Amino acid sequence: AEGDAAAVPIRAALKPMGGHATLMRAPLSLRAAVDVFQPQAPALAALARRVKESFDPAGRLDPGRMYHGI
C-alpha cells in the first residue's frame, strides 16, 4: 500500500474489457490519494455532483468519500 497502489495501471488494464477496480481497504493516506471507485466520465461526474448537491447542499455528508470533490 504505497504510492497509488498501482491503481492507474490496474484500472487502465481493466477499462478496455468494460471492467473496473474498487479500492476496498487501505490506510487513510492511500485513500486520500486514490479514488475509491473507477473515475467517472466527465458527463457522469457532473451528474453525480449535481445529485449530491441537491441532497446535501452544504456538503456535510461524507465529502469526498466516494469521489474527490463530490
PDB file of N, CA and C in Angstrom:
ATOM      1  N   ALA A   1       0.840  -1.196   0.000  1.00  0.00           N
ATOM      2  CA  ALA A   1       0.000   0.000   0.000  1.00  0.00           C
ATOM      3  C   ALA A   1       0.873   1.242   0.000  1.00  0.00           C
ATOM      4  N   GLU A   2       1.556   1.449  -1.089  1.00  0.00           N
ATOM      5  CA  GLU A   2       2.403   2.634  -1.225  1.00  0.00           C
ATOM      6  C   GLU A   2       2.038   3.367  -2.500  1.00  0.00           C
ATOM      7  N   GLY A   3       2.332   4.659  -2.534  1.00  0.00           N
ATOM      8  CA  GLY A   3       2.042   5.453  -3.722  1.00  0.00           C
ATOM      9  C   GLY A   3       0.568   5.413  -4.041  1.00  0.00           C
ATOM     10  N   ASP A   4       0.239   4.999  -5.241  1.00  0.00           N
ATOM     11  CA  ASP A   4      -1.181   4.881  -5.612  1.00  0.00           C
ATOM     12  C   ASP A   4      -1.616   3.416  -5.660  1.00  0.00           C
ATOM     13  N   ALA A   5      -0.804   2.522  -5.102  1.00  0.00           N
ATOM     14  CA  ALA A   5      -1.115   1.084  -5.056  1.00  0.00           C
ATOM     15  C   ALA A   5      -1.374   0.515  -6.451  1.00  0.00           C
ATOM     16  N   ALA A   6      -0.732   1.083  -7.463  1.00  0.00           N
ATOM     17  CA  ALA A   6      -0.860   0.649  -8.863  1.00  0.00           C
ATOM     18  C   ALA A   6      -2.275   0.821  -9.399  1.00  0.00           C
ATOM     19  N   ALA A   7      -3.027   1.762  -8.828  1.00  0.00           N
ATOM     20  CA  ALA A   7      -4.412   1.978  -9.264  1.00  0.00           C
ATOM     21  C   ALA A   7      -4.488   2.358 -10.735  1.00  0.00           C
ATOM     22  N   VAL A   8      -3.602   3.214 -11.205  1.00  0.00           N
ATOM     23  CA  VAL A   8      -3.666   3.686 -12.591  1.00  0.00           C
ATOM     24  C   VAL A   8      -3.466   2.539 -13.585  1.00  0.00           C
ATOM     25  N   PRO A   9      -2.394   1.735 -13.483  1.00  0.00           N
ATOM     26  CA  PRO A   9      -2.246   0.648 -14.468  1.00  0.00           C
ATOM     27  C   PRO A   9      -3.301  -0.448 -14.332  1.00  0.00           C
ATOM     28  N   ILE A  10      -3.758  -0.717 -13.119  1.00  0.00           N
ATOM     29  CA  ILE A  10      -4.798  -1.741 -12.941  1.00  0.00           C
ATOM     30  C   ILE A  10      -6.092  -1.294 -13.609  1.00  0.00           C
ATOM     31  N   ARG A  11      -6.499  -0.060 -13.335  1.00  0.00           N
ATOM     32  CA  ARG A  11      -7.739   0.442 -13.925  1.00  0.00           C
ATOM     33  C   ARG A  11      -7.624   0.592 -15.427  1.00  0.00           C
ATOM     34  N   ALA A  12      -6.454   0.966 -15.918  1.00  0.00           N
ATOM     35  CA  ALA A  12      -6.243   1.092 -17.363  1.00  0.00           C
ATOM     36  C   ALA A  12      -6.342  -0.271 -18.044  1.00  0.00           C
ATOM     37  N   ALA A  13      -5.843  -1.324 -17.394  1.00  0.00           N
ATOM     38  CA  ALA A  13      -5.896  -2.668 -17.972  1.00  0.00           C
ATOM     39  C   ALA A  13      -7.325  -3.206 -18.005  1.00  0.00           C
ATOM     40  N   LEU A  14      -8.132  -2.841 -17.037  1.00  0.00           N
ATOM     41  CA  LEU A  14      -9.500  -3.358 -16.968  1.00  0.00           C
ATOM     42  C   LEU A  14     -10.494  -2.600 -17.840  1.00  0.00           C
ATOM     43  N   LYS A  15     -10.235  -1.329 -18.080  1.00  0.00           N
ATOM     44  CA  LYS A  15     -11.188  -0.477 -18.796  1.00  0.00           C
ATOM     45  C   LYS A  15     -11.548  -0.983 -20.200  1.00  0.00           C
ATOM     46  N   PRO A  16     -10.584  -1.418 -21.035  1.00  0.00           N
ATOM     47  CA  PRO A  16     -10.950  -1.875 -22.381  1.00  0.00           C
ATOM     48  C   PRO A  16     -11.895  -3.077 -22.399  1.00  0.00           C
ATOM     49  N   MET A  17     -11.907  -3.836 -21.313  1.00  0.00           N
ATOM     50  CA  MET A  17     -12.774  -5.009 -21.227  1.00  0.00           C
ATOM     51  C   MET A  17     -14.093  -4.687 -20.531  1.00  0.00           C
ATOM     52  N   GLY A  18     -14.298  -3.393 -20.215  1.00  0.00           N
ATOM     53  CA  GLY A  18     -15.522  -2.996 -19.540  1.00  0.00           C
ATOM     54  C   GLY A  18     -15.480  -3.208 -18.036  1.00  0.00           C
ATOM     55  N   GLY A  19     -14.303  -3.503 -17.520  1.00  0.00           N
ATOM     56  CA  GLY A  19     -14.171  -3.748 -16.091  1.00  0.00           C
ATOM     57  C   GLY A  19     -13.827  -2.500 -15.312  1.00  0.00           C
ATOM     58  N   HIS A  20     -13.754  -2.650 -14.011  1.00  0.00           N
ATOM     59  CA  HIS A  20     -13.381  -1.554 -13.135  1.00  0.00           C
ATOM     60  C   HIS A  20     -12.748  -2.113 -11.875  1.00  0.00           C
ATOM     61  N   ALA A  21     -12.063  -1.254 -11.138  1.00  0.00           N
ATOM     62  CA  ALA A  21     -11.445  -1.659  -9.881  1.00  0.00           C
ATOM     63  C   ALA A  21     -11.934  -0.726  -8.783  1.00  0.00           C
ATOM     64  N   THR A  22     -12.238  -1.297  -7.631  1.00  0.00           N
ATOM     65  CA  THR A  22     -12.701  -0.543  -6.473  1.00  0.00           C
ATOM     66  C   THR A  22     -11.725  -0.753  -5.331  1.00  0.00           C
ATOM     67  N   LEU A  23     -11.318   0.336  -4.699  1.00  0.00           N
ATOM     68  CA  LEU A  23     -10.420   0.261  -3.545  1.00  0.00           C
ATOM     69  C   LEU A  23     -11.228  -0.204  -2.343  1.00  0.00           C
ATOM     70  N   MET A  24     -10.911  -1.372  -1.816  1.00  0.00           N
ATOM     71  CA  MET A  24     -11.701  -1.944  -0.726  1.00  0.00           C
ATOM     72  C   MET A  24     -11.142  -1.598   0.650  1.00  0.00           C
ATOM     73  N   ARG A  25      -9.848  -1.761   0.835  1.00  0.00           N
ATOM     74  CA  ARG A  25      -9.216  -1.488   2.122  1.00  0.00           C
ATOM     75  C   ARG A  25      -7.878  -0.837   1.889  1.00  0.00           C
ATOM     76  N   ALA A  26      -7.601   0.198   2.657  1.00  0.00           N
ATOM     77  CA  ALA A  26      -6.316   0.880   2.523  1.00  0.00           C
ATOM     78  C   ALA A  26      -6.137   1.836   3.691  1.00  0.00           C
ATOM     79  N   PRO A  27      -4.882   2.163   3.999  1.00  0.00           N
ATOM     80  CA  PRO A  27      -4.653   3.169   5.035  1.00  0.00           C
ATOM     81  C   PRO A  27      -5.219   4.519   4.581  1.00  0.00           C
ATOM     82  N   LEU A  28      -5.474   5.396   5.540  1.00  0.00           N
ATOM     83  CA  LEU A  28      -6.044   6.708   5.229  1.00  0.00           C
ATOM     84  C   LEU A  28      -5.204   7.482   4.231  1.00  0.00           C
ATOM     85  N   SER A  29      -3.884   7.364   4.308  1.00  0.00           N
ATOM     86  CA  SER A  29      -3.023   8.099   3.378  1.00  0.00           C
ATOM     87  C   SER A  29      -3.256   7.652   1.937  1.00  0.00           C
ATOM     88  N   LEU A  30      -3.449   6.366   1.719  1.00  0.00           N
ATOM     89  CA  LEU A  30      -3.714   5.854   0.375  1.00  0.00           C
ATOM     90  C   LEU A  30      -5.126   6.223  -0.079  1.00  0.00           C
ATOM     91  N   ARG A  31      -6.089   6.142   0.837  1.00  0.00           N
ATOM     92  CA  ARG A  31      -7.467   6.520   0.491  1.00  0.00           C
ATOM     93  C   ARG A  31      -7.553   7.991   0.100  1.00  0.00           C
ATOM     94  N   ALA A  32      -6.682   8.819   0.663  1.00  0.00           N
ATOM     95  CA  ALA A  32      -6.667  10.238   0.311  1.00  0.00           C
ATOM     96  C   ALA A  32      -6.061  10.465  -1.075  1.00  0.00           C
ATOM     97  N   ALA A  33      -5.216   9.543  -1.520  1.00  0.00           N
ATOM     98  CA  ALA A  33      -4.511   9.712  -2.800  1.00  0.00           C
ATOM     99  C   ALA A  33      -5.207   9.043  -3.977  1.00  0.00           C
ATOM    100  N   VAL A  34      -6.047   8.049  -3.722  1.00  0.00           N
ATOM    101  CA  VAL A  34      -6.651   7.248  -4.790  1.00  0.00           C
ATOM    102  C   VAL A  34      -8.171   7.276  -4.650  1.00  0.00           C
ATOM    103  N   ASP A  35      -8.881   7.509  -5.748  1.00  0.00           N
ATOM    104  CA  ASP A  35     -10.344   7.431  -5.717  1.00  0.00           C
ATOM    105  C   ASP A  35     -10.767   6.010  -5.366  1.00  0.00           C
ATOM    106  N   VAL A  36     -11.803   5.887  -4.556  1.00  0.00           N
ATOM    107  CA  VAL A  36     -12.313   4.571  -4.165  1.00  0.00           C
ATOM    108  C   VAL A  36     -12.850   3.823  -5.384  1.00  0.00           C
ATOM    109  N   PHE A  37     -13.591   4.537  -6.225  1.00  0.00           N
ATOM    110  CA  PHE A  37     -14.183   3.929  -7.413  1.00  0.00           C
ATOM    111  C   PHE A  37     -13.451   4.371  -8.668  1.00  0.00           C
ATOM    112  N   GLN A  38     -13.656   3.609  -9.724  1.00  0.00           N
ATOM    113  CA  GLN A  38     -13.110   3.957 -11.039  1.00  0.00           C
ATOM    114  C   GLN A  38     -13.523   5.397 -11.367  1.00  0.00           C
ATOM    115  N   PRO A  39     -12.612   6.234 -11.823  1.00  0.00           N
ATOM    116  CA  PRO A  39     -13.002   7.598 -12.181  1.00  0.00           C
ATOM    117  C   PRO A  39     -14.121   7.597 -13.225  1.00  0.00           C
ATOM    118  N   GLN A  40     -15.055   8.519 -13.053  1.00  0.00           N
ATOM    119  CA  GLN A  40     -16.209   8.592 -13.947  1.00  0.00           C
ATOM    120  C   GLN A  40     -15.895   9.445 -15.172  1.00  0.00           C
ATOM    121  N   ALA A  41     -16.642   9.199 -16.230  1.00  0.00           N
ATOM    122  CA  ALA A  41     -16.581  10.059 -17.411  1.00  0.00           C
ATOM    123  C   ALA A  41     -17.039  11.452 -16.984  1.00  0.00           C
ATOM    124  N   PRO A  42     -16.536  12.506 -17.627  1.00  0.00           N
ATOM    125  CA  PRO A  42     -16.876  13.874 -17.206  1.00  0.00           C
ATOM    126  C   PRO A  42     -18.383  14.152 -17.099  1.00  0.00           C
ATOM    127  N   ALA A  43     -19.176  13.699 -18.059  1.00  0.00           N
ATOM    128  CA  ALA A  43     -20.620  13.957 -18.009  1.00  0.00           C
ATOM    129  C   ALA A  43     -21.263  13.246 -16.818  1.00  0.00           C
ATOM    130  N   LEU A  44     -20.857  12.016 -16.556  1.00  0.00           N
ATOM    131  CA  LEU A  44     -21.406  11.269 -15.426  1.00  0.00           C
ATOM    132  C   LEU A  44     -20.952  11.883 -14.102  1.00  0.00           C
ATOM    133  N   ALA A  45     -19.708  12.347 -14.027  1.00  0.00           N
ATOM    134  CA  ALA A  45     -19.208  13.006 -12.822  1.00  0.00           C
ATOM    135  C   ALA A  45     -19.986  14.288 -12.536  1.00  0.00           C
ATOM    136  N   ALA A  46     -20.302  15.042 -13.579  1.00  0.00           N
ATOM    137  CA  ALA A  46     -21.084  16.270 -13.402  1.00  0.00           C
ATOM    138  C   ALA A  46     -22.481  15.947 -12.887  1.00  0.00           C
ATOM    139  N   LEU A  47     -23.083  14.895 -13.403  1.00  0.00           N
ATOM    140  CA  LEU A  47     -24.403  14.473 -12.947  1.00  0.00           C
ATOM    141  C   LEU A  47     -24.352  14.046 -11.476  1.00  0.00           C
ATOM    142  N   ALA A  48     -23.356  13.242 -11.109  1.00  0.00           N
ATOM    143  CA  ALA A  48     -23.206  12.791  -9.724  1.00  0.00           C
ATOM    144  C   ALA A  48     -23.023  13.987  -8.786  1.00  0.00           C
ATOM    145  N   ARG A  49     -22.250  14.970  -9.223  1.00  0.00           N
ATOM    146  CA  ARG A  49     -22.032  16.169  -8.414  1.00  0.00           C
ATOM    147  C   ARG A  49     -23.357  16.916  -8.193  1.00  0.00           C
ATOM    148  N   ARG A  50     -24.146  17.065  -9.255  1.00  0.00           N
ATOM    149  CA  ARG A  50     -25.430  17.773  -9.130  1.00  0.00           C
ATOM    150  C   ARG A  50     -26.406  17.020  -8.220  1.00  0.00           C
ATOM    151  N   VAL A  51     -26.451  15.694  -8.331  1.00  0.00           N
ATOM    152  CA  VAL A  51     -27.339  14.905  -7.470  1.00  0.00           C
ATOM    153  C   VAL A  51     -26.914  15.053  -6.013  1.00  0.00           C
ATOM    154  N   LYS A  52     -25.621  14.925  -5.746  1.00  0.00           N
ATOM    155  CA  LYS A  52     -25.131  15.068  -4.366  1.00  0.00           C
ATOM    156  C   LYS A  52     -25.447  16.455  -3.830  1.00  0.00           C
ATOM    157  N   GLU A  53     -25.223  17.483  -4.637  1.00  0.00           N
ATOM    158  CA  GLU A  53     -25.500  18.851  -4.190  1.00  0.00           C
ATOM    159  C   GLU A  53     -26.983  19.058  -3.916  1.00  0.00           C
ATOM    160  N   SER A  54     -27.855  18.364  -4.643  1.00  0.00           N
ATOM    161  CA  SER A  54     -29.292  18.526  -4.401  1.00  0.00           C
ATOM    162  C   SER A  54     -29.711  17.897  -3.069  1.00  0.00           C
ATOM    163  N   PHE A  55     -29.060  16.811  -2.669  1.00  0.00           N
ATOM    164  CA  PHE A  55     -29.375  16.161  -1.405  1.00  0.00           C
ATOM    165  C   PHE A  55     -28.582  16.741  -0.235  1.00  0.00           C
ATOM    166  N   ASP A  56     -27.423  17.310  -0.506  1.00  0.00           N
ATOM    167  CA  ASP A  56     -26.528  17.805   0.539  1.00  0.00           C
ATOM    168  C   ASP A  56     -25.918  19.147   0.105  1.00  0.00           C
ATOM    169  N   PRO A  57     -26.739  20.206   0.050  1.00  0.00           N
ATOM    170  CA  PRO A  57     -26.243  21.482  -0.463  1.00  0.00           C
ATOM    171  C   PRO A  57     -25.103  22.074   0.353  1.00  0.00           C
ATOM    172  N   ALA A  58     -25.019  21.762   1.631  1.00  0.00           N
ATOM    173  CA  ALA A  58     -23.941  22.291   2.470  1.00  0.00           C
ATOM    174  C   ALA A  58     -22.663  21.449   2.381  1.00  0.00           C
ATOM    175  N   GLY A  59     -22.734  20.290   1.740  1.00  0.00           N
ATOM    176  CA  GLY A  59     -21.557  19.437   1.575  1.00  0.00           C
ATOM    177  C   GLY A  59     -21.045  18.828   2.865  1.00  0.00           C
ATOM    178  N   ARG A  60     -21.948  18.494   3.777  1.00  0.00           N
ATOM    179  CA  ARG A  60     -21.549  17.973   5.093  1.00  0.00           C
ATOM    180  C   ARG A  60     -21.522  16.457   5.176  1.00  0.00           C
ATOM    181  N   LEU A  61     -22.218  15.785   4.277  1.00  0.00           N
ATOM    182  CA  LEU A  61     -22.333  14.331   4.382  1.00  0.00           C
ATOM    183  C   LEU A  61     -21.203  13.623   3.635  1.00  0.00           C
ATOM    184  N   ASP A  62     -20.209  13.195   4.374  1.00  0.00           N
ATOM    185  CA  ASP A  62     -19.070  12.443   3.835  1.00  0.00           C
ATOM    186  C   ASP A  62     -18.460  13.048   2.574  1.00  0.00           C
ATOM    187  N   PRO A  63     -18.004  14.298   2.639  1.00  0.00           N
ATOM    188  CA  PRO A  63     -17.410  14.899   1.439  1.00  0.00           C
ATOM    189  C   PRO A  63     -16.172  14.116   0.972  1.00  0.00           C
ATOM    190  N   GLY A  64     -16.141  13.819  -0.312  1.00  0.00           N
ATOM    191  CA  GLY A  64     -15.002  13.117  -0.897  1.00  0.00           C
ATOM    192  C   GLY A  64     -14.938  11.633  -0.600  1.00  0.00           C
ATOM    193  N   ARG A  65     -15.909  11.065   0.053  1.00  0.00           N
ATOM    194  CA  ARG A  65     -15.848   9.644   0.412  1.00  0.00           C
ATOM    195  C   ARG A  65     -15.849   8.730  -0.813  1.00  0.00           C
ATOM    196  N   MET A  66     -16.676   9.047  -1.795  1.00  0.00           N
ATOM    197  CA  MET A  66     -16.755   8.188  -2.969  1.00  0.00           C
ATOM    198  C   MET A  66     -15.886   8.707  -4.118  1.00  0.00           C
ATOM    199  N   TYR A  67     -15.938  10.020  -4.329  1.00  0.00           N
ATOM    200  CA  TYR A  67     -15.141  10.640  -5.381  1.00  0.00           C
ATOM    201  C   TYR A  67     -14.573  11.944  -4.839  1.00  0.00           C
ATOM    202  N   HIS A  68     -13.330  12.247  -5.168  1.00  0.00           N
ATOM    203  CA  HIS A  68     -12.740  13.509  -4.742  1.00  0.00           C
ATOM    204  C   HIS A  68     -13.553  14.667  -5.303  1.00  0.00           C
ATOM    205  N   GLY A  69     -13.821  15.654  -4.483  1.00  0.00           N
ATOM    206  CA  GLY A  69     -14.538  16.826  -4.929  1.00  0.00           C
ATOM    207  C   GLY A  69     -16.052  16.699  -4.919  1.00  0.00           C
ATOM    208  N   ILE A  70     -16.560  15.531  -4.565  1.00  0.00           N
ATOM    209  CA  ILE A  70     -18.021  15.337  -4.503  1.00  0.00           C
ATOM    210  C   ILE A  70     -18.385  14.960  -3.079  1.00  0.00           C
TER     211      ILE A  70
END
